[in-house]
Amino acid sequence: MGAPLVCRAVALAIFLFTYVFIAGARLPYLRLDRPGGALLGAVLMVVAGVVTPAEVFNHSADANQHAIDADTIVLLLGMMLLAAYMSQAAFFRTAGAWAVRRAHTPRRLLLAVTFISAGMSAVLVNDTVCLMLTPLVLATVDDARLPPAPYLLAVCMGSNSGSVATFTGNPQNMLIQGASGLSYASFAAYMALPALLSTAVVAAGLLYLFRHDLPTKRFEPKPPPPPVDQGLMVLTLVVLAGVVVAFFAGLPMSWSALAGAALVMALSRREPREALERVDWVLLLFFASLFVVVYGVNKHGWAEEIRVLFAPLMAGPPLRETLGFAGLTLVASNLFSNVPFVMLARTWVPALHDVELGWHVLALGSTLAGNLTLVGSVANLIVFEAARGKVNMTFLRFLRVGLPVTLVSFVVGLTVLLVEHALF
């Protein structure tokens, strides 16, 4: 009896230790960031005997004893590789330059940046979209002598809101896909309208909050046409369309994405190394490590204990339960970061009255929560790290914009979800 209790206590201690780093805090003598803290936590889970090496490497025939969700890792890898080849073909620069040439006022440019970032993120991983669009937006606003802050906010906030629409829009939605068993088509059918309206709220909010900073004069941006590899462009777009069709057809999403990436790799007549080097291997390692840490606390019952702790917030009839879960998701995704919270909360959803609505609320809340604070989403950090030296975006400065935009978009998106579920 004593050994299981000790193991249970150790699992909780390692979990809390890991979350110190995930929350962005620092401990004396340890210069660890989020990925480093997660990796250390995963190793400690194995060394302490909380999780076995066989569970980490998914050797058991019982899927319930698999620590790492390999489908999510493979799906993320496949989409990253497809995005890498699209970048090599100059797809992102071409789409951005096309929008810039048609935006003749600062306000139209802000709208274009928001909706292009959102549209791309509805299909591709939002972190990758932000990485590709930020340099183009910085060059454009510098050439037009416009304030960069609203346009950079448009990139990351539009990316977050647009990624609500599909399972492939962001990492947390990929986690939900693996846990929920919902089809790509049914998820997109419910989430597309909340994503679109949330993006409209983001655009309207940015236009209003920066109404005194955006000049009214027209300008004629003339970005030089990027060198396009037309053969690679056609190949990647055709394969991406085929992958999306496979998603809608109900084929395994992870292997559909990876098969598409492998096909482009085989037919592109390019050395694969450049595309492979564009993959965010650190993010994949971060995910794998988090899977092990969260599996350890789930294995010893702590996820259920945490759910019971928050149960009073979700007590009552179905509507109150949904609203409580939605509010908890919005707040906790900023306290603990959205991906780790989804890993934890995905074990709670099956206990809700309306399980499908619960998955949709978890996806909406955890994703839109990224627009609340600077550290709420990896996409935000990618954008403003790339703009370091040109924009000083502090936590409070971001919050002044993120708080009203997030609250309004969240209320709008949640209302639409509730109406959709009531009607359909």
Protein backbone atom coordinates (compact mmCIF):
# COMPACT_ATOMS: atom_id res chain seq x y z
CA MET A 1 0.00 0.00 0.00
CA GLY A 2 2.86 2.36 0.87
CA ALA A 3 4.65 2.06 -2.46
CA PRO A 4 1.63 3.07 -4.60
CA LEU A 5 0.99 6.06 -2.33
CA VAL A 6 4.61 7.16 -2.62
CA CYS A 7 4.51 6.72 -6.40
CA ARG A 8 1.28 8.73 -6.54
CA ALA A 9 2.83 11.56 -4.53
CA VAL A 10 5.95 11.53 -6.72
CA ALA A 11 3.81 11.71 -9.86
CA LEU A 12 2.06 14.84 -8.57
CA ALA A 13 5.35 16.43 -7.48
CA ILE A 14 6.94 15.89 -10.90
CA PHE A 15 3.79 17.18 -12.61
CA LEU A 16 3.81 20.41 -10.55
CA PHE A 17 7.56 20.81 -11.03
CA THR A 18 7.13 20.52 -14.80
CA TYR A 19 4.28 23.02 -14.88
CA VAL A 20 6.49 25.65 -13.25
CA PHE A 21 8.48 25.76 -16.49
CA ILE A 22 5.45 25.39 -18.75
CA ALA A 23 3.91 28.44 -17.08
CA GLY A 24 7.04 30.40 -18.00
CA ALA A 25 8.47 30.65 -14.48
CA ARG A 26 12.09 30.05 -13.53
CA LEU A 27 13.76 28.17 -10.69
CA PRO A 28 17.15 29.07 -9.19
CA TYR A 29 20.13 27.36 -10.83
CA LEU A 30 17.95 25.86 -13.59
CA ARG A 31 17.91 27.71 -16.90
CA LEU A 32 15.17 25.64 -18.51
CA ASP A 33 12.53 26.80 -20.97
CA ARG A 34 9.20 25.06 -21.70
CA PRO A 35 10.60 22.24 -23.88
CA GLY A 36 13.54 21.67 -21.53
CA GLY A 37 11.28 21.60 -18.47
CA ALA A 38 8.87 19.17 -20.16
CA LEU A 39 11.71 16.86 -21.20
CA LEU A 40 13.15 16.87 -17.68
CA GLY A 41 9.69 16.10 -16.27
CA ALA A 42 9.25 13.17 -18.66
CA VAL A 43 12.65 11.72 -17.75
CA LEU A 44 11.90 12.09 -14.03
CA MET A 45 8.60 10.24 -14.50
CA VAL A 46 10.52 7.26 -15.91
CA VAL A 47 13.47 7.41 -13.50
CA ALA A 48 11.09 7.57 -10.53
CA GLY A 49 9.17 4.55 -11.79
CA VAL A 50 5.92 6.44 -12.30
CA VAL A 51 5.92 5.61 -16.01
CA THR A 52 7.70 2.58 -17.48
CA PRO A 53 9.90 2.71 -20.60
CA ALA A 54 7.49 0.24 -22.23
CA GLU A 55 4.64 2.74 -21.73
CA VAL A 56 6.74 5.57 -23.18
CA PHE A 57 7.58 3.58 -26.30
CA ASN A 58 4.01 2.21 -26.66
CA HIS A 59 5.11 -1.44 -26.48
CA SER A 60 1.92 -2.64 -24.86
CA ALA A 61 -0.89 -4.09 -26.96
CA ASP A 62 -3.30 -2.12 -24.75
CA ALA A 63 -3.66 1.41 -26.15
CA ASN A 64 -4.57 2.64 -22.67
CA GLN A 65 -0.99 1.92 -21.63
CA HIS A 66 0.54 4.08 -24.36
CA ALA A 67 1.99 7.29 -22.93
CA ILE A 68 2.62 9.11 -26.22
CA ASP A 69 -0.15 9.80 -28.72
CA ALA A 70 1.80 8.87 -31.84
CA ASP A 71 -1.07 9.86 -34.17
CA THR A 72 -0.89 13.49 -33.00
CA ILE A 73 2.91 13.60 -33.40
CA VAL A 74 2.72 12.10 -36.90
CA LEU A 75 -0.10 14.46 -37.95
CA LEU A 76 1.86 17.48 -36.75
CA LEU A 77 4.99 16.27 -38.52
CA GLY A 78 3.13 15.68 -41.79
CA MET A 79 1.52 19.13 -41.78
CA MET A 80 4.83 20.80 -40.91
CA LEU A 81 6.54 19.09 -43.84
CA LEU A 82 3.78 20.13 -46.25
CA ALA A 83 4.07 23.72 -45.00
CA ALA A 84 7.85 23.56 -45.43
CA TYR A 85 7.52 22.62 -49.11
CA MET A 86 4.87 25.32 -49.61
CA SER A 87 7.34 27.80 -48.17
CA GLN A 88 10.06 26.59 -50.54
CA ALA A 89 7.67 27.15 -53.45
CA ALA A 90 7.10 30.74 -52.17
CA PHE A 91 3.40 30.12 -51.52
CA PHE A 92 3.27 32.28 -48.40
CA ARG A 93 5.19 35.16 -49.96
CA THR A 94 3.05 35.00 -53.10
CA ALA A 95 -0.22 35.05 -51.15
CA GLY A 96 1.02 37.89 -48.97
CA ALA A 97 2.25 39.96 -51.91
CA TRP A 98 -1.08 39.42 -53.70
CA ALA A 99 -2.98 40.80 -50.70
CA VAL A 100 -0.63 43.73 -50.26
CA ARG A 101 -0.97 44.80 -53.89
CA ARG A 102 -4.76 44.97 -53.49
CA ALA A 103 -4.83 46.82 -50.18
CA HIS A 104 -4.63 50.54 -50.89
CA THR A 105 -5.37 51.85 -47.39
CA PRO A 106 -3.89 50.94 -43.99
CA ARG A 107 -7.28 49.66 -42.77
CA ARG A 108 -7.78 47.38 -45.76
CA LEU A 109 -4.27 46.06 -45.27
CA LEU A 110 -5.09 45.27 -41.64
CA LEU A 111 -8.21 43.38 -42.73
CA ALA A 112 -6.27 41.52 -45.42
CA VAL A 113 -3.53 40.45 -43.00
CA THR A 114 -6.08 39.25 -40.43
CA PHE A 115 -8.17 37.17 -42.81
CA ILE A 116 -5.24 35.75 -44.81
CA SER A 117 -3.56 34.64 -41.60
CA ALA A 118 -6.85 33.13 -40.41
CA GLY A 119 -7.59 31.42 -43.73
CA MET A 120 -4.17 29.81 -43.98
CA SER A 121 -4.32 28.71 -40.35
CA ALA A 122 -7.64 26.97 -40.95
CA VAL A 123 -5.76 24.42 -43.08
CA LEU A 124 -2.15 24.55 -41.92
CA VAL A 125 -0.72 24.71 -38.41
CA ASN A 126 -1.06 28.28 -37.12
CA ASP A 127 2.47 28.41 -35.67
CA THR A 128 3.92 27.71 -39.11
CA VAL A 129 1.72 30.34 -40.75
CA CYS A 130 2.92 32.98 -38.27
CA LEU A 131 6.53 32.02 -38.86
CA MET A 132 6.12 32.48 -42.62
CA LEU A 133 3.96 35.63 -42.67
CA THR A 134 5.71 37.77 -40.05
CA PRO A 135 8.80 38.74 -42.11
CA LEU A 136 6.59 39.71 -45.08
CA VAL A 137 4.29 41.86 -42.92
CA LEU A 138 7.25 43.57 -41.26
CA ALA A 139 8.79 44.43 -44.64
CA THR A 140 5.44 45.72 -45.96
CA VAL A 141 4.62 48.03 -43.07
CA ASP A 142 8.19 49.31 -42.99
CA ASP A 143 8.00 50.17 -46.69
CA ALA A 144 4.62 51.89 -46.24
CA ARG A 145 5.76 53.62 -43.03
CA LEU A 146 2.93 52.18 -40.99
CA PRO A 147 2.99 51.27 -37.27
CA PRO A 148 3.89 47.57 -37.12
CA ALA A 149 2.10 46.60 -33.87
CA PRO A 150 -1.49 46.35 -35.19
CA TYR A 151 -0.40 44.32 -38.22
CA LEU A 152 1.67 41.91 -36.15
CA LEU A 153 -1.30 41.48 -33.80
CA ALA A 154 -3.41 40.80 -36.88
CA VAL A 155 -1.03 37.98 -37.87
CA CYS A 156 -1.06 36.14 -34.54
CA MET A 157 -4.64 36.90 -33.44
CA GLY A 158 -6.07 36.14 -36.87
CA SER A 159 -4.04 32.95 -36.94
CA ASN A 160 -5.38 31.86 -33.55
CA SER A 161 -9.01 32.59 -34.39
CA GLY A 162 -8.86 31.03 -37.86
CA SER A 163 -7.23 27.86 -36.54
CA VAL A 164 -10.41 27.13 -34.55
CA ALA A 165 -12.02 25.85 -37.76
CA THR A 166 -10.30 22.48 -38.25
CA PHE A 167 -8.36 19.75 -36.50
CA THR A 168 -5.20 20.73 -38.40
CA GLY A 169 -5.40 24.41 -37.47
CA ASN A 170 -3.36 24.14 -34.28
CA PRO A 171 -1.69 21.57 -32.01
CA GLN A 172 -4.42 21.54 -29.36
CA ASN A 173 -7.08 20.72 -31.95
CA MET A 174 -4.91 17.83 -33.12
CA LEU A 175 -4.91 16.53 -29.55
CA ILE A 176 -8.69 16.79 -29.46
CA GLN A 177 -8.94 14.90 -32.75
CA GLY A 178 -6.96 12.01 -31.32
CA ALA A 179 -9.00 11.85 -28.11
CA SER A 180 -12.50 12.58 -29.39
CA GLY A 181 -12.85 10.25 -32.36
CA LEU A 182 -14.82 12.96 -34.17
CA SER A 183 -14.48 13.15 -37.93
CA TYR A 184 -12.70 16.02 -39.65
CA ALA A 185 -15.88 16.90 -41.56
CA SER A 186 -18.22 16.99 -38.55
CA PHE A 187 -15.75 19.05 -36.51
CA ALA A 188 -15.27 21.57 -39.32
CA ALA A 189 -19.03 21.79 -39.89
CA TYR A 190 -19.57 23.02 -36.34
CA MET A 191 -16.38 25.07 -35.94
CA ALA A 192 -16.15 26.93 -39.27
CA LEU A 193 -18.75 29.59 -38.44
CA PRO A 194 -17.42 30.30 -34.90
CA ALA A 195 -13.95 30.62 -36.45
CA LEU A 196 -15.15 33.02 -39.13
CA LEU A 197 -17.10 35.21 -36.72
CA SER A 198 -14.27 35.19 -34.17
CA THR A 199 -11.90 36.36 -36.89
CA ALA A 200 -14.35 39.13 -37.82
CA VAL A 201 -14.38 40.23 -34.16
CA VAL A 202 -10.57 40.24 -34.12
CA ALA A 203 -10.46 42.40 -37.26
CA ALA A 204 -13.13 44.80 -36.00
CA GLY A 205 -11.46 45.03 -32.61
CA LEU A 206 -8.07 45.85 -34.06
CA LEU A 207 -9.57 48.47 -36.38
CA TYR A 208 -11.33 50.13 -33.45
CA LEU A 209 -8.52 49.94 -30.90
CA PHE A 210 -5.95 51.27 -33.38
CA ARG A 211 -8.26 53.77 -35.08
CA HIS A 212 -6.04 56.69 -34.04
CA ASP A 213 -2.82 54.97 -35.10
CA LEU A 214 -3.76 54.04 -38.65
CA PRO A 215 -3.45 56.90 -41.17
CA THR A 216 -6.28 57.45 -43.63
CA LYS A 217 -4.09 58.18 -46.63
CA ARG A 218 -3.92 55.77 -49.53
CA PHE A 219 -0.67 54.12 -50.46
CA GLU A 220 0.52 52.03 -53.36
CA PRO A 221 2.58 49.14 -52.03
CA LYS A 222 4.53 47.46 -54.79
CA PRO A 223 6.27 44.44 -53.33
CA PRO A 224 8.61 42.79 -55.80
CA PRO A 225 7.19 39.50 -57.07
CA PRO A 226 8.82 36.62 -55.18
CA PRO A 227 10.67 34.01 -57.19
CA VAL A 228 8.18 31.17 -57.50
CA ASP A 229 8.94 27.53 -58.15
CA GLN A 230 5.79 26.92 -60.18
CA GLY A 231 6.24 23.17 -60.47
CA LEU A 232 6.67 22.78 -56.71
CA MET A 233 3.80 25.19 -56.09
CA VAL A 234 1.39 23.14 -58.20
CA LEU A 235 2.62 19.88 -56.71
CA THR A 236 2.22 21.00 -53.08
CA LEU A 237 -1.22 22.56 -53.65
CA VAL A 238 -2.53 19.47 -55.46
CA VAL A 239 -1.18 17.15 -52.78
CA LEU A 240 -2.53 19.39 -49.99
CA ALA A 241 -5.96 19.34 -51.63
CA GLY A 242 -5.74 15.55 -51.81
CA VAL A 243 -4.80 15.36 -48.13
CA VAL A 244 -7.79 17.53 -47.16
CA VAL A 245 -10.08 15.33 -49.28
CA ALA A 246 -8.67 12.33 -47.41
CA PHE A 247 -9.48 14.08 -44.12
CA PHE A 248 -13.08 14.66 -45.20
CA ALA A 249 -13.31 11.06 -46.45
CA GLY A 250 -12.52 9.83 -42.96
CA LEU A 251 -9.11 8.32 -43.72
CA PRO A 252 -6.55 8.32 -40.87
CA MET A 253 -5.46 11.95 -40.60
CA SER A 254 -1.94 11.32 -39.36
CA TRP A 255 -0.95 8.97 -42.15
CA SER A 256 -2.81 10.95 -44.79
CA ALA A 257 -0.75 14.04 -43.90
CA LEU A 258 2.52 12.11 -43.72
CA ALA A 259 1.78 10.27 -46.98
CA GLY A 260 1.14 13.62 -48.67
CA ALA A 261 4.41 15.01 -47.34
CA ALA A 262 6.30 11.91 -48.48
CA LEU A 263 4.75 12.17 -51.95
CA VAL A 264 5.87 15.79 -52.30
CA MET A 265 9.31 14.82 -51.03
CA ALA A 266 9.57 12.07 -53.64
CA LEU A 267 8.34 14.16 -56.59
CA SER A 268 9.80 17.58 -55.81
CA ARG A 269 13.27 16.87 -57.22
CA ARG A 270 14.77 18.69 -54.26
CA GLU A 271 17.04 17.51 -51.49
CA PRO A 272 14.76 16.71 -48.52
CA ARG A 273 17.18 18.16 -45.99
CA GLU A 274 16.00 21.75 -46.42
CA ALA A 275 12.37 20.81 -45.76
CA LEU A 276 13.31 18.57 -42.83
CA GLU A 277 15.33 21.39 -41.28
CA ARG A 278 12.23 23.61 -41.33
CA VAL A 279 10.31 21.17 -39.13
CA ASP A 280 10.00 22.39 -35.55
CA TRP A 281 11.58 19.35 -33.92
CA VAL A 282 11.68 21.17 -30.58
CA LEU A 283 7.89 21.45 -30.63
CA LEU A 284 7.55 17.73 -31.41
CA LEU A 285 9.89 16.90 -28.52
CA PHE A 286 7.87 19.23 -26.27
CA PHE A 287 4.69 17.38 -27.20
CA ALA A 288 6.17 13.93 -26.65
CA SER A 289 7.53 14.96 -23.25
CA LEU A 290 4.21 16.47 -22.18
CA PHE A 291 2.41 13.29 -23.16
CA VAL A 292 4.62 11.33 -20.77
CA VAL A 293 4.16 13.80 -17.89
CA VAL A 294 0.39 13.99 -18.27
CA TYR A 295 0.15 10.21 -18.69
CA GLY A 296 1.95 9.84 -15.36
CA VAL A 297 -0.58 11.94 -13.44
CA ASN A 298 -3.49 10.31 -15.27
CA LYS A 299 -2.15 6.85 -14.45
CA HIS A 300 -2.24 7.61 -10.74
CA GLY A 301 -5.62 9.30 -10.72
CA TRP A 302 -4.58 12.93 -10.34
CA ALA A 303 -6.37 14.13 -13.46
CA GLU A 304 -9.63 12.94 -11.94
CA GLU A 305 -8.72 14.61 -8.62
CA ILE A 306 -8.15 17.90 -10.47
CA ARG A 307 -11.49 17.49 -12.26
CA VAL A 308 -13.24 16.99 -8.92
CA LEU A 309 -11.53 20.13 -7.62
CA PHE A 310 -13.06 22.17 -10.45
CA ALA A 311 -16.38 20.28 -10.44
CA PRO A 312 -18.26 23.03 -8.50
CA LEU A 313 -17.63 25.39 -11.44
CA MET A 314 -19.43 22.96 -13.75
CA ALA A 315 -22.16 21.73 -11.41
CA GLY A 316 -25.80 21.98 -12.44
CA PRO A 317 -27.85 21.52 -15.60
CA PRO A 318 -26.17 21.03 -19.03
CA LEU A 319 -26.08 24.74 -19.98
CA ARG A 320 -24.46 25.76 -16.72
CA GLU A 321 -22.01 22.88 -17.01
CA THR A 322 -21.05 24.00 -20.51
CA LEU A 323 -20.61 27.63 -19.49
CA GLY A 324 -18.54 26.64 -16.47
CA PHE A 325 -16.33 24.37 -18.55
CA ALA A 326 -15.93 27.10 -21.17
CA GLY A 327 -14.87 29.68 -18.58
CA LEU A 328 -12.48 27.25 -16.93
CA THR A 329 -10.92 26.44 -20.32
CA LEU A 330 -10.40 30.11 -21.15
CA VAL A 331 -8.73 30.92 -17.82
CA ALA A 332 -6.74 27.70 -17.33
CA SER A 333 -5.39 27.80 -20.89
CA ASN A 334 -3.64 31.05 -19.99
CA LEU A 335 -2.50 29.92 -16.56
CA PHE A 336 -1.06 26.59 -17.71
CA SER A 337 -0.77 27.17 -21.51
CA ASN A 338 -3.39 25.76 -23.84
CA VAL A 339 -1.67 22.58 -25.07
CA PRO A 340 -0.88 21.18 -21.58
CA PHE A 341 -4.38 22.08 -20.37
CA VAL A 342 -6.00 20.26 -23.30
CA MET A 343 -3.85 17.20 -22.58
CA LEU A 344 -5.22 17.21 -19.04
CA ALA A 345 -8.82 18.24 -19.74
CA ARG A 346 -9.42 15.78 -22.58
CA THR A 347 -9.94 13.09 -19.93
CA TRP A 348 -12.78 15.16 -18.40
CA VAL A 349 -14.91 15.67 -21.51
CA PRO A 350 -16.45 12.16 -21.65
CA ALA A 351 -18.04 12.88 -18.24
CA LEU A 352 -19.95 15.94 -19.54
CA HIS A 353 -23.65 15.81 -20.41
CA ASP A 354 -23.05 16.66 -24.08
CA VAL A 355 -19.73 15.11 -24.99
CA GLU A 356 -19.53 16.42 -28.58
CA LEU A 357 -20.33 19.96 -27.44
CA GLY A 358 -17.68 19.55 -24.76
CA TRP A 359 -15.01 18.78 -27.37
CA HIS A 360 -16.07 21.79 -29.42
CA VAL A 361 -16.02 24.08 -26.36
CA LEU A 362 -12.57 22.79 -25.38
CA ALA A 363 -11.25 23.52 -28.89
CA LEU A 364 -12.84 26.97 -29.04
CA GLY A 365 -11.86 28.08 -25.55
CA SER A 366 -8.30 26.76 -25.55
CA THR A 367 -7.60 28.32 -28.96
CA LEU A 368 -9.20 31.74 -28.47
CA ALA A 369 -7.53 31.90 -25.07
CA GLY A 370 -4.32 32.36 -27.04
CA ASN A 371 -5.42 35.88 -27.95
CA LEU A 372 -5.76 36.97 -24.33
CA THR A 373 -2.11 37.31 -23.31
CA LEU A 374 1.28 37.47 -24.99
CA VAL A 375 2.24 34.06 -23.59
CA GLY A 376 -1.17 32.51 -24.22
CA SER A 377 -0.15 31.09 -27.58
CA VAL A 378 3.09 29.94 -29.16
CA ALA A 379 1.97 31.83 -32.28
CA ASN A 380 2.11 35.13 -30.35
CA LEU A 381 5.64 34.42 -29.17
CA ILE A 382 6.76 33.47 -32.69
CA VAL A 383 5.49 36.75 -34.13
CA PHE A 384 6.96 39.09 -31.55
CA GLU A 385 10.24 37.22 -31.23
CA ALA A 386 10.64 37.70 -35.00
CA ALA A 387 9.82 41.40 -34.57
CA ARG A 388 12.21 41.95 -31.66
CA GLY A 389 13.99 45.26 -32.05
CA LYS A 390 11.16 46.72 -34.14
CA VAL A 391 8.22 46.34 -31.74
CA ASN A 392 8.37 46.36 -27.96
CA MET A 393 5.30 44.27 -27.14
CA THR A 394 4.99 43.98 -23.38
CA PHE A 395 2.60 41.71 -21.49
CA LEU A 396 0.35 44.62 -20.47
CA ARG A 397 0.34 46.21 -23.91
CA PHE A 398 -0.80 42.94 -25.45
CA LEU A 399 -3.39 42.43 -22.70
CA ARG A 400 -5.01 45.82 -23.37
CA VAL A 401 -5.85 44.61 -26.86
CA GLY A 402 -6.23 40.91 -26.11
CA LEU A 403 -8.69 41.20 -23.22
CA PRO A 404 -11.60 42.89 -25.05
CA VAL A 405 -10.95 41.05 -28.33
CA THR A 406 -10.80 37.66 -26.64
CA LEU A 407 -13.85 38.15 -24.44
CA VAL A 408 -16.06 39.36 -27.28
CA SER A 409 -14.87 36.74 -29.77
CA PHE A 410 -15.25 34.00 -27.15
CA VAL A 411 -18.80 35.03 -26.29
CA VAL A 412 -19.71 35.23 -29.99
CA GLY A 413 -18.09 31.89 -30.81
CA LEU A 414 -19.62 30.11 -27.82
CA THR A 415 -23.08 31.52 -28.58
CA VAL A 416 -22.86 30.26 -32.15
CA LEU A 417 -21.79 26.82 -30.94
CA LEU A 418 -24.70 26.60 -28.53
CA VAL A 419 -27.15 27.65 -31.23
CA GLU A 420 -25.69 25.13 -33.70
CA HIS A 421 -26.02 22.31 -31.20
CA ALA A 422 -29.55 23.36 -30.30
CA LEU A 423 -30.58 23.36 -33.99
CA PHE A 424 -28.61 20.41 -35.31
